[in-house]
Amino acid sequence: MKRIRLVSLVGLVTALCVFWMVILRTDWDASPSPAIVPRIPSLLHQSWKTKDLPKEYVAWGSSWLKHNPRFTYRLWTDEDNRALVAEHYAWFLPTFDGFERNIMRADAARVFYLHRFGGVYADFDVICLRQMDSLLASHDLVLASMDVPALNISDADNVFFDANSIPNAWMASVPEHPFWLHCAKLMMRLSEEGEDGVEQKTGPMMLKRALSEYNAILQNDTIKSAEKLLPIFIAEPNAIFPYSWVWTQNTDTHKVCSSQRKTFNEARCRKLVDPKRTSFAISYWSHSWDK
């Protein structure tokens, strides 16, 4: 009889233990959901002339670590940029030193950050709005598009806008992605041909041209090198560039979204261009390179 009571008591204690484990730790036997771990390194690159940043850039730059605490941050100066090229890409140094404007060297350097180290590059006027992992997941290289009017080849302004529809203000990739060396070789070719426009030679127009050439190689099965190339993902405009600088867009939006305007207002801009809070980032297009 005592043995039966003892067994009953043990059973009761066991049942109570299980009950409290369920109450206090409802996930005690649950498998954790797999975290999204992008192939692209958690490394953010930004660049400025020196380490002495404008006040607004300090605030905007901090948004990336706020929303992506796993990121490692690297600020590159003009001196750092040349050292990177000289040490690891000496074959490009004559082109780098020969650029007519410093912004061209800054444009070129970001290509080499991503080739050498991988990660995310962002201009200082591109502000992070939420964690980037879900955008970067499953991709080797991510570029972002920007809304521009439909292409009309008879309109020179329209052609210019279309050629700027893949900004180089934000880019992300794994290290040693072959696209970046294609960009470098294109910049060398354009320099040799005498191209002197910033956008055309090292900026977004160069980037879109390089993308077009790269994709043509990828799609050409007769080219053996295509087997070694990795695909490129192009994010929709609302992902990174919900506000487009193109002047033919809504002028009321420009009044509050362009950081060049006295009427610039970040909160009002966000309500206009990202009302559902789905964007990962936004650029206020300060165009500081042109000053």
C-alpha atoms as a PDB file:
ATOM      1  CA  MET A   1       0.000   0.000   0.000  1.00  0.00           C
ATOM      2  CA  LYS A   2       2.852   2.359   0.859  1.00  0.00           C
ATOM      3  CA  ARG A   3       4.540   1.495  -2.443  1.00  0.00           C
ATOM      4  CA  ILE A   4       1.380   2.394  -4.368  1.00  0.00           C
ATOM      5  CA  ARG A   5       1.103   5.708  -2.520  1.00  0.00           C
ATOM      6  CA  LEU A   6       4.788   6.428  -3.220  1.00  0.00           C
ATOM      7  CA  VAL A   7       4.372   5.760  -6.941  1.00  0.00           C
ATOM      8  CA  SER A   8       1.267   7.951  -7.007  1.00  0.00           C
ATOM      9  CA  LEU A   9       3.130  10.726  -5.228  1.00  0.00           C
ATOM     10  CA  VAL A  10       6.053  10.523  -7.703  1.00  0.00           C
ATOM     11  CA  GLY A  11       3.575  10.647 -10.596  1.00  0.00           C
ATOM     12  CA  LEU A  12       1.881  13.704  -9.092  1.00  0.00           C
ATOM     13  CA  VAL A  13       5.203  15.524  -8.609  1.00  0.00           C
ATOM     14  CA  THR A  14       6.218  14.698 -12.200  1.00  0.00           C
ATOM     15  CA  ALA A  15       2.917  15.979 -13.535  1.00  0.00           C
ATOM     16  CA  LEU A  16       3.269  19.212 -11.556  1.00  0.00           C
ATOM     17  CA  CYS A  17       6.817  19.698 -12.867  1.00  0.00           C
ATOM     18  CA  VAL A  18       5.664  19.263 -16.443  1.00  0.00           C
ATOM     19  CA  PHE A  19       2.749  21.641 -15.811  1.00  0.00           C
ATOM     20  CA  TRP A  20       5.010  24.388 -14.482  1.00  0.00           C
ATOM     21  CA  MET A  21       7.504  23.894 -17.304  1.00  0.00           C
ATOM     22  CA  VAL A  22       4.706  24.491 -19.768  1.00  0.00           C
ATOM     23  CA  ILE A  23       3.425  27.538 -17.905  1.00  0.00           C
ATOM     24  CA  LEU A  24       6.802  29.151 -17.256  1.00  0.00           C
ATOM     25  CA  ARG A  25       8.580  28.127 -20.470  1.00  0.00           C
ATOM     26  CA  THR A  26       6.104  27.515 -23.212  1.00  0.00           C
ATOM     27  CA  ASP A  27       8.985  27.111 -25.668  1.00  0.00           C
ATOM     28  CA  TRP A  28      10.919  24.547 -23.627  1.00  0.00           C
ATOM     29  CA  ASP A  29      10.577  21.811 -26.239  1.00  0.00           C
ATOM     30  CA  ALA A  30      10.209  24.004 -29.328  1.00  0.00           C
ATOM     31  CA  SER A  31      12.894  24.174 -31.973  1.00  0.00           C
ATOM     32  CA  PRO A  32      14.102  27.759 -32.559  1.00  0.00           C
ATOM     33  CA  SER A  33      13.133  29.239 -35.922  1.00  0.00           C
ATOM     34  CA  PRO A  34      16.123  29.530 -38.243  1.00  0.00           C
ATOM     35  CA  ALA A  35      17.595  33.026 -38.407  1.00  0.00           C
ATOM     36  CA  ILE A  36      18.141  34.750 -41.724  1.00  0.00           C
ATOM     37  CA  VAL A  37      21.895  34.848 -42.266  1.00  0.00           C
ATOM     38  CA  PRO A  38      22.763  36.635 -45.518  1.00  0.00           C
ATOM     39  CA  ARG A  39      25.772  35.531 -47.534  1.00  0.00           C
ATOM     40  CA  ILE A  40      26.689  39.201 -47.809  1.00  0.00           C
ATOM     41  CA  PRO A  41      28.946  40.162 -44.865  1.00  0.00           C
ATOM     42  CA  SER A  42      27.555  42.344 -42.080  1.00  0.00           C
ATOM     43  CA  LEU A  43      29.936  45.166 -42.897  1.00  0.00           C
ATOM     44  CA  LEU A  44      28.978  48.760 -43.720  1.00  0.00           C
ATOM     45  CA  HIS A  45      31.240  50.998 -45.784  1.00  0.00           C
ATOM     46  CA  GLN A  46      30.877  54.782 -45.935  1.00  0.00           C
ATOM     47  CA  SER A  47      33.247  57.368 -47.357  1.00  0.00           C
ATOM     48  CA  TRP A  48      34.063  61.021 -46.768  1.00  0.00           C
ATOM     49  CA  LYS A  49      36.966  63.339 -47.551  1.00  0.00           C
ATOM     50  CA  THR A  50      38.314  63.130 -43.989  1.00  0.00           C
ATOM     51  CA  LYS A  51      37.163  61.744 -40.637  1.00  0.00           C
ATOM     52  CA  ASP A  52      35.640  65.163 -39.861  1.00  0.00           C
ATOM     53  CA  LEU A  53      32.016  64.520 -40.837  1.00  0.00           C
ATOM     54  CA  PRO A  54      29.243  67.097 -41.277  1.00  0.00           C
ATOM     55  CA  LYS A  55      26.853  67.024 -38.308  1.00  0.00           C
ATOM     56  CA  GLU A  56      23.892  65.659 -40.251  1.00  0.00           C
ATOM     57  CA  TYR A  57      26.018  62.850 -41.677  1.00  0.00           C
ATOM     58  CA  VAL A  58      26.939  61.659 -38.193  1.00  0.00           C
ATOM     59  CA  ALA A  59      23.244  61.325 -37.334  1.00  0.00           C
ATOM     60  CA  TRP A  60      22.280  59.725 -40.654  1.00  0.00           C
ATOM     61  CA  GLY A  61      25.244  57.350 -40.598  1.00  0.00           C
ATOM     62  CA  SER A  62      24.314  56.074 -37.135  1.00  0.00           C
ATOM     63  CA  SER A  63      20.976  54.823 -38.481  1.00  0.00           C
ATOM     64  CA  TRP A  64      22.721  51.811 -40.031  1.00  0.00           C
ATOM     65  CA  LEU A  65      24.077  50.456 -36.760  1.00  0.00           C
ATOM     66  CA  LYS A  66      20.858  51.321 -34.947  1.00  0.00           C
ATOM     67  CA  HIS A  67      18.850  48.989 -37.181  1.00  0.00           C
ATOM     68  CA  ASN A  68      21.676  46.510 -37.876  1.00  0.00           C
ATOM     69  CA  PRO A  69      23.592  46.076 -34.607  1.00  0.00           C
ATOM     70  CA  ARG A  70      25.539  43.100 -36.036  1.00  0.00           C
ATOM     71  CA  PHE A  71      27.155  45.351 -38.650  1.00  0.00           C
ATOM     72  CA  THR A  72      30.797  46.313 -38.421  1.00  0.00           C
ATOM     73  CA  TYR A  73      31.345  49.916 -39.519  1.00  0.00           C
ATOM     74  CA  ARG A  74      34.177  51.219 -41.700  1.00  0.00           C
ATOM     75  CA  LEU A  75      34.659  54.887 -42.590  1.00  0.00           C
ATOM     76  CA  TRP A  76      36.986  55.424 -45.553  1.00  0.00           C
ATOM     77  CA  THR A  77      38.766  58.721 -46.172  1.00  0.00           C
ATOM     78  CA  ASP A  78      40.271  59.946 -49.445  1.00  0.00           C
ATOM     79  CA  GLU A  79      43.677  58.869 -48.155  1.00  0.00           C
ATOM     80  CA  ASP A  80      42.341  55.407 -47.280  1.00  0.00           C
ATOM     81  CA  ASN A  81      40.817  55.058 -50.729  1.00  0.00           C
ATOM     82  CA  ARG A  82      44.077  55.621 -52.551  1.00  0.00           C
ATOM     83  CA  ALA A  83      45.928  53.298 -50.177  1.00  0.00           C
ATOM     84  CA  LEU A  84      43.393  50.525 -50.881  1.00  0.00           C
ATOM     85  CA  VAL A  85      43.828  50.867 -54.634  1.00  0.00           C
ATOM     86  CA  ALA A  86      47.624  51.140 -54.412  1.00  0.00           C
ATOM     87  CA  GLU A  87      47.950  48.031 -52.229  1.00  0.00           C
ATOM     88  CA  HIS A  88      45.411  45.687 -53.787  1.00  0.00           C
ATOM     89  CA  TYR A  89      44.551  47.072 -57.243  1.00  0.00           C
ATOM     90  CA  ALA A  90      47.787  48.686 -58.422  1.00  0.00           C
ATOM     91  CA  TRP A  91      46.817  48.026 -62.057  1.00  0.00           C
ATOM     92  CA  PHE A  92      43.993  50.576 -61.575  1.00  0.00           C
ATOM     93  CA  LEU A  93      46.103  53.242 -59.852  1.00  0.00           C
ATOM     94  CA  PRO A  94      47.037  55.233 -62.997  1.00  0.00           C
ATOM     95  CA  THR A  95      43.331  55.516 -63.861  1.00  0.00           C
ATOM     96  CA  PHE A  96      42.470  56.379 -60.243  1.00  0.00           C
ATOM     97  CA  ASP A  97      45.081  59.138 -60.017  1.00  0.00           C
ATOM     98  CA  GLY A  98      44.148  60.407 -63.461  1.00  0.00           C
ATOM     99  CA  PHE A  99      40.510  61.142 -62.631  1.00  0.00           C
ATOM    100  CA  GLU A 100      39.728  64.833 -63.062  1.00  0.00           C
ATOM    101  CA  ARG A 101      37.567  65.125 -59.938  1.00  0.00           C
ATOM    102  CA  ASN A 102      37.769  63.687 -56.443  1.00  0.00           C
ATOM    103  CA  ILE A 103      34.201  62.384 -56.599  1.00  0.00           C
ATOM    104  CA  MET A 104      35.328  60.069 -59.408  1.00  0.00           C
ATOM    105  CA  ARG A 105      37.916  58.548 -57.094  1.00  0.00           C
ATOM    106  CA  ALA A 106      35.281  58.191 -54.357  1.00  0.00           C
ATOM    107  CA  ASP A 107      32.945  56.482 -56.855  1.00  0.00           C
ATOM    108  CA  ALA A 108      35.659  54.089 -57.970  1.00  0.00           C
ATOM    109  CA  ALA A 109      36.782  53.252 -54.428  1.00  0.00           C
ATOM    110  CA  ARG A 110      33.365  51.903 -53.412  1.00  0.00           C
ATOM    111  CA  VAL A 111      33.639  49.325 -56.182  1.00  0.00           C
ATOM    112  CA  PHE A 112      36.860  48.092 -54.618  1.00  0.00           C
ATOM    113  CA  TYR A 113      35.453  48.076 -51.028  1.00  0.00           C
ATOM    114  CA  LEU A 114      32.837  45.612 -52.154  1.00  0.00           C
ATOM    115  CA  HIS A 115      35.160  43.508 -54.262  1.00  0.00           C
ATOM    116  CA  ARG A 116      37.812  43.223 -51.568  1.00  0.00           C
ATOM    117  CA  PHE A 117      35.668  42.947 -48.417  1.00  0.00           C
ATOM    118  CA  GLY A 118      32.040  42.597 -49.456  1.00  0.00           C
ATOM    119  CA  GLY A 119      29.259  44.101 -47.345  1.00  0.00           C
ATOM    120  CA  VAL A 120      27.039  47.134 -47.863  1.00  0.00           C
ATOM    121  CA  TYR A 121      28.054  50.515 -49.226  1.00  0.00           C
ATOM    122  CA  ALA A 122      25.819  53.529 -48.502  1.00  0.00           C
ATOM    123  CA  ASP A 123      26.210  57.238 -49.205  1.00  0.00           C
ATOM    124  CA  PHE A 124      25.847  59.375 -46.094  1.00  0.00           C
ATOM    125  CA  ASP A 125      22.510  60.764 -47.285  1.00  0.00           C
ATOM    126  CA  VAL A 126      21.078  57.246 -47.538  1.00  0.00           C
ATOM    127  CA  ILE A 127      19.389  56.568 -44.197  1.00  0.00           C
ATOM    128  CA  CYS A 128      18.571  53.094 -42.923  1.00  0.00           C
ATOM    129  CA  LEU A 129      14.954  52.611 -41.833  1.00  0.00           C
ATOM    130  CA  ARG A 130      14.939  48.955 -40.745  1.00  0.00           C
ATOM    131  CA  GLN A 131      17.049  45.799 -40.572  1.00  0.00           C
ATOM    132  CA  MET A 132      18.505  44.749 -43.925  1.00  0.00           C
ATOM    133  CA  ASP A 133      18.807  40.972 -43.511  1.00  0.00           C
ATOM    134  CA  SER A 134      15.646  39.984 -45.373  1.00  0.00           C
ATOM    135  CA  LEU A 135      16.664  42.141 -48.358  1.00  0.00           C
ATOM    136  CA  LEU A 136      20.180  40.743 -48.503  1.00  0.00           C
ATOM    137  CA  ALA A 137      19.280  37.100 -47.850  1.00  0.00           C
ATOM    138  CA  SER A 138      19.914  34.581 -50.634  1.00  0.00           C
ATOM    139  CA  HIS A 139      21.664  37.100 -52.888  1.00  0.00           C
ATOM    140  CA  ASP A 140      25.311  37.509 -53.865  1.00  0.00           C
ATOM    141  CA  LEU A 141      24.983  41.077 -55.107  1.00  0.00           C
ATOM    142  CA  VAL A 142      22.126  43.541 -54.653  1.00  0.00           C
ATOM    143  CA  LEU A 143      21.603  46.827 -56.479  1.00  0.00           C
ATOM    144  CA  ALA A 144      18.516  49.022 -56.130  1.00  0.00           C
ATOM    145  CA  SER A 145      16.440  50.739 -58.774  1.00  0.00           C
ATOM    146  CA  MET A 146      14.923  54.238 -58.640  1.00  0.00           C
ATOM    147  CA  ASP A 147      11.698  55.424 -60.264  1.00  0.00           C
ATOM    148  CA  VAL A 148      12.236  57.381 -63.478  1.00  0.00           C
ATOM    149  CA  PRO A 149       9.874  58.207 -66.364  1.00  0.00           C
ATOM    150  CA  ALA A 150       9.383  55.550 -69.046  1.00  0.00           C
ATOM    151  CA  LEU A 151      12.216  55.612 -71.566  1.00  0.00           C
ATOM    152  CA  ASN A 152      11.709  57.905 -74.569  1.00  0.00           C
ATOM    153  CA  ILE A 153      14.831  57.952 -76.739  1.00  0.00           C
ATOM    154  CA  SER A 154      13.705  61.116 -78.522  1.00  0.00           C
ATOM    155  CA  ASP A 155      13.876  63.074 -75.241  1.00  0.00           C
ATOM    156  CA  ALA A 156      17.448  63.776 -74.090  1.00  0.00           C
ATOM    157  CA  ASP A 157      16.417  64.483 -70.479  1.00  0.00           C
ATOM    158  CA  ASN A 158      14.414  61.285 -70.389  1.00  0.00           C
ATOM    159  CA  VAL A 159      17.356  59.235 -71.667  1.00  0.00           C
ATOM    160  CA  PHE A 160      19.575  60.801 -68.978  1.00  0.00           C
ATOM    161  CA  PHE A 161      17.072  59.920 -66.235  1.00  0.00           C
ATOM    162  CA  ASP A 162      16.783  56.328 -67.444  1.00  0.00           C
ATOM    163  CA  ALA A 163      20.561  55.948 -67.453  1.00  0.00           C
ATOM    164  CA  ASN A 164      20.581  57.043 -63.777  1.00  0.00           C
ATOM    165  CA  SER A 165      17.894  54.567 -62.677  1.00  0.00           C
ATOM    166  CA  ILE A 166      20.359  52.272 -60.830  1.00  0.00           C
ATOM    167  CA  PRO A 167      22.111  54.639 -58.381  1.00  0.00           C
ATOM    168  CA  ASN A 168      25.524  53.773 -56.979  1.00  0.00           C
ATOM    169  CA  ALA A 169      24.536  55.437 -53.681  1.00  0.00           C
ATOM    170  CA  TRP A 170      23.705  52.034 -52.170  1.00  0.00           C
ATOM    171  CA  MET A 171      25.143  48.642 -53.174  1.00  0.00           C
ATOM    172  CA  ALA A 172      25.802  45.318 -51.459  1.00  0.00           C
ATOM    173  CA  SER A 173      27.642  42.109 -52.319  1.00  0.00           C
ATOM    174  CA  VAL A 174      29.729  39.158 -51.264  1.00  0.00           C
ATOM    175  CA  PRO A 175      33.511  39.627 -51.512  1.00  0.00           C
ATOM    176  CA  GLU A 176      35.186  39.078 -54.905  1.00  0.00           C
ATOM    177  CA  HIS A 177      31.998  39.225 -56.935  1.00  0.00           C
ATOM    178  CA  PRO A 178      33.185  39.434 -60.571  1.00  0.00           C
ATOM    179  CA  PHE A 179      30.824  42.296 -61.402  1.00  0.00           C
ATOM    180  CA  TRP A 180      33.027  44.787 -59.552  1.00  0.00           C
ATOM    181  CA  LEU A 181      36.083  44.053 -61.681  1.00  0.00           C
ATOM    182  CA  HIS A 182      33.880  44.456 -64.739  1.00  0.00           C
ATOM    183  CA  CYS A 183      32.986  47.932 -63.411  1.00  0.00           C
ATOM    184  CA  ALA A 184      36.669  48.738 -62.857  1.00  0.00           C
ATOM    185  CA  LYS A 185      37.593  47.688 -66.390  1.00  0.00           C
ATOM    186  CA  LEU A 186      34.718  49.742 -67.803  1.00  0.00           C
ATOM    187  CA  MET A 187      35.940  52.832 -65.910  1.00  0.00           C
ATOM    188  CA  MET A 188      39.396  52.274 -67.397  1.00  0.00           C
ATOM    189  CA  ARG A 189      37.920  51.952 -70.870  1.00  0.00           C
ATOM    190  CA  LEU A 190      35.822  55.092 -70.480  1.00  0.00           C
ATOM    191  CA  SER A 191      38.882  57.014 -69.255  1.00  0.00           C
ATOM    192  CA  GLU A 192      40.850  55.907 -72.284  1.00  0.00           C
ATOM    193  CA  GLU A 193      37.981  57.001 -74.553  1.00  0.00           C
ATOM    194  CA  GLY A 194      38.012  60.502 -73.012  1.00  0.00           C
ATOM    195  CA  GLU A 195      34.674  60.374 -71.189  1.00  0.00           C
ATOM    196  CA  ASP A 196      34.635  63.226 -68.647  1.00  0.00           C
ATOM    197  CA  GLY A 197      31.152  63.278 -67.088  1.00  0.00           C
ATOM    198  CA  VAL A 198      30.999  62.105 -63.478  1.00  0.00           C
ATOM    199  CA  GLU A 199      27.791  60.084 -63.852  1.00  0.00           C
ATOM    200  CA  GLN A 200      28.922  58.591 -67.151  1.00  0.00           C
ATOM    201  CA  LYS A 201      32.497  57.753 -66.162  1.00  0.00           C
ATOM    202  CA  THR A 202      32.272  56.495 -62.577  1.00  0.00           C
ATOM    203  CA  GLY A 203      28.717  57.083 -61.331  1.00  0.00           C
ATOM    204  CA  PRO A 204      25.256  55.555 -61.840  1.00  0.00           C
ATOM    205  CA  MET A 205      25.367  55.730 -65.635  1.00  0.00           C
ATOM    206  CA  MET A 206      28.586  53.708 -65.603  1.00  0.00           C
ATOM    207  CA  LEU A 207      26.985  51.256 -63.157  1.00  0.00           C
ATOM    208  CA  LYS A 208      23.936  50.693 -65.344  1.00  0.00           C
ATOM    209  CA  ARG A 209      26.086  50.272 -68.451  1.00  0.00           C
ATOM    210  CA  ALA A 210      28.271  47.752 -66.620  1.00  0.00           C
ATOM    211  CA  LEU A 211      25.146  45.905 -65.487  1.00  0.00           C
ATOM    212  CA  SER A 212      23.844  45.718 -69.053  1.00  0.00           C
ATOM    213  CA  GLU A 213      27.164  44.367 -70.339  1.00  0.00           C
ATOM    214  CA  TYR A 214      27.496  41.898 -67.471  1.00  0.00           C
ATOM    215  CA  ASN A 215      23.974  40.534 -67.967  1.00  0.00           C
ATOM    216  CA  ALA A 216      24.652  40.134 -71.685  1.00  0.00           C
ATOM    217  CA  ILE A 217      27.643  37.929 -70.840  1.00  0.00           C
ATOM    218  CA  LEU A 218      25.548  35.940 -68.364  1.00  0.00           C
ATOM    219  CA  GLN A 219      22.893  35.287 -70.999  1.00  0.00           C
ATOM    220  CA  ASN A 220      25.370  34.274 -73.689  1.00  0.00           C
ATOM    221  CA  ASP A 221      25.824  30.535 -73.270  1.00  0.00           C
ATOM    222  CA  THR A 222      28.630  30.467 -75.819  1.00  0.00           C
ATOM    223  CA  ILE A 223      30.928  32.492 -73.556  1.00  0.00           C
ATOM    224  CA  LYS A 224      32.736  30.121 -71.196  1.00  0.00           C
ATOM    225  CA  SER A 225      33.411  32.872 -68.656  1.00  0.00           C
ATOM    226  CA  ALA A 226      29.668  33.174 -68.058  1.00  0.00           C
ATOM    227  CA  GLU A 227      29.875  29.939 -66.076  1.00  0.00           C
ATOM    228  CA  LYS A 228      31.979  31.731 -63.455  1.00  0.00           C
ATOM    229  CA  LEU A 229      29.724  34.760 -63.128  1.00  0.00           C
ATOM    230  CA  LEU A 230      27.218  35.231 -60.315  1.00  0.00           C
ATOM    231  CA  PRO A 231      23.755  36.745 -60.843  1.00  0.00           C
ATOM    232  CA  ILE A 232      22.727  40.197 -59.638  1.00  0.00           C
ATOM    233  CA  PHE A 233      19.480  41.018 -57.848  1.00  0.00           C
ATOM    234  CA  ILE A 234      17.836  44.388 -58.545  1.00  0.00           C
ATOM    235  CA  ALA A 235      15.606  45.584 -55.702  1.00  0.00           C
ATOM    236  CA  GLU A 236      12.406  47.483 -56.456  1.00  0.00           C
ATOM    237  CA  PRO A 237      12.462  51.309 -56.028  1.00  0.00           C
ATOM    238  CA  ASN A 238      10.527  51.257 -52.760  1.00  0.00           C
ATOM    239  CA  ALA A 239      13.223  49.113 -51.114  1.00  0.00           C
ATOM    240  CA  ILE A 240      16.082  51.665 -50.985  1.00  0.00           C
ATOM    241  CA  PHE A 241      15.076  54.665 -53.095  1.00  0.00           C
ATOM    242  CA  PRO A 242      11.376  55.374 -52.419  1.00  0.00           C
ATOM    243  CA  TYR A 243      12.150  59.042 -53.133  1.00  0.00           C
ATOM    244  CA  SER A 244      13.449  59.756 -56.633  1.00  0.00           C
ATOM    245  CA  TRP A 245      15.488  62.902 -57.294  1.00  0.00           C
ATOM    246  CA  VAL A 246      14.215  63.107 -60.884  1.00  0.00           C
ATOM    247  CA  TRP A 247      12.759  66.592 -61.296  1.00  0.00           C
ATOM    248  CA  THR A 248       9.756  65.442 -63.349  1.00  0.00           C
ATOM    249  CA  GLN A 249       8.380  63.655 -60.284  1.00  0.00           C
ATOM    250  CA  ASN A 250       5.916  65.227 -57.816  1.00  0.00           C
ATOM    251  CA  THR A 251       7.189  68.702 -56.867  1.00  0.00           C
ATOM    252  CA  ASP A 252       5.413  68.627 -53.493  1.00  0.00           C
ATOM    253  CA  THR A 253       7.495  65.580 -52.623  1.00  0.00           C
ATOM    254  CA  HIS A 254      10.709  67.380 -53.581  1.00  0.00           C
ATOM    255  CA  LYS A 255       9.846  70.222 -51.200  1.00  0.00           C
ATOM    256  CA  VAL A 256       9.996  67.967 -48.146  1.00  0.00           C
ATOM    257  CA  CYS A 257      12.263  65.116 -49.318  1.00  0.00           C
ATOM    258  CA  SER A 258      15.213  66.934 -50.891  1.00  0.00           C
ATOM    259  CA  SER A 259      17.777  67.828 -48.240  1.00  0.00           C
ATOM    260  CA  GLN A 260      18.878  70.647 -50.552  1.00  0.00           C
ATOM    261  CA  ARG A 261      15.575  72.491 -49.931  1.00  0.00           C
ATOM    262  CA  LYS A 262      14.905  74.791 -46.992  1.00  0.00           C
ATOM    263  CA  THR A 263      11.510  73.076 -46.701  1.00  0.00           C
ATOM    264  CA  PHE A 264      13.131  69.643 -46.125  1.00  0.00           C
ATOM    265  CA  ASN A 265      11.228  67.623 -43.491  1.00  0.00           C
ATOM    266  CA  GLU A 266      12.170  63.991 -42.858  1.00  0.00           C
ATOM    267  CA  ALA A 267       8.944  63.005 -41.086  1.00  0.00           C
ATOM    268  CA  ARG A 268       6.674  64.474 -43.750  1.00  0.00           C
ATOM    269  CA  CYS A 269       8.784  62.961 -46.504  1.00  0.00           C
ATOM    270  CA  ARG A 270       8.497  59.481 -45.003  1.00  0.00           C
ATOM    271  CA  LYS A 271       4.714  59.798 -44.803  1.00  0.00           C
ATOM    272  CA  LEU A 272       4.587  60.727 -48.483  1.00  0.00           C
ATOM    273  CA  VAL A 273       6.933  58.166 -50.011  1.00  0.00           C
ATOM    274  CA  ASP A 274       6.791  55.270 -47.514  1.00  0.00           C
ATOM    275  CA  PRO A 275       3.362  55.428 -45.812  1.00  0.00           C
ATOM    276  CA  LYS A 276       3.261  51.652 -45.158  1.00  0.00           C
ATOM    277  CA  ARG A 277       6.763  51.633 -43.659  1.00  0.00           C
ATOM    278  CA  THR A 278       8.030  48.940 -46.032  1.00  0.00           C
ATOM    279  CA  SER A 279      11.231  50.635 -47.235  1.00  0.00           C
ATOM    280  CA  PHE A 280      14.596  49.502 -45.910  1.00  0.00           C
ATOM    281  CA  ALA A 281      16.239  52.867 -46.544  1.00  0.00           C
ATOM    282  CA  ILE A 282      15.733  56.269 -48.142  1.00  0.00           C
ATOM    283  CA  SER A 283      18.012  58.819 -49.762  1.00  0.00           C
ATOM    284  CA  TYR A 284      17.449  62.552 -49.368  1.00  0.00           C
ATOM    285  CA  TRP A 285      19.831  63.240 -52.271  1.00  0.00           C
ATOM    286  CA  SER A 286      22.041  65.978 -50.845  1.00  0.00           C
ATOM    287  CA  HIS A 287      24.291  65.746 -53.970  1.00  0.00           C
ATOM    288  CA  SER A 288      27.197  66.903 -51.800  1.00  0.00           C
ATOM    289  CA  TRP A 289      29.636  65.583 -54.425  1.00  0.00           C
ATOM    290  CA  ASP A 290      28.581  68.391 -56.782  1.00  0.00           C
ATOM    291  CA  LYS A 291      29.363  71.169 -54.274  1.00  0.00           C
END
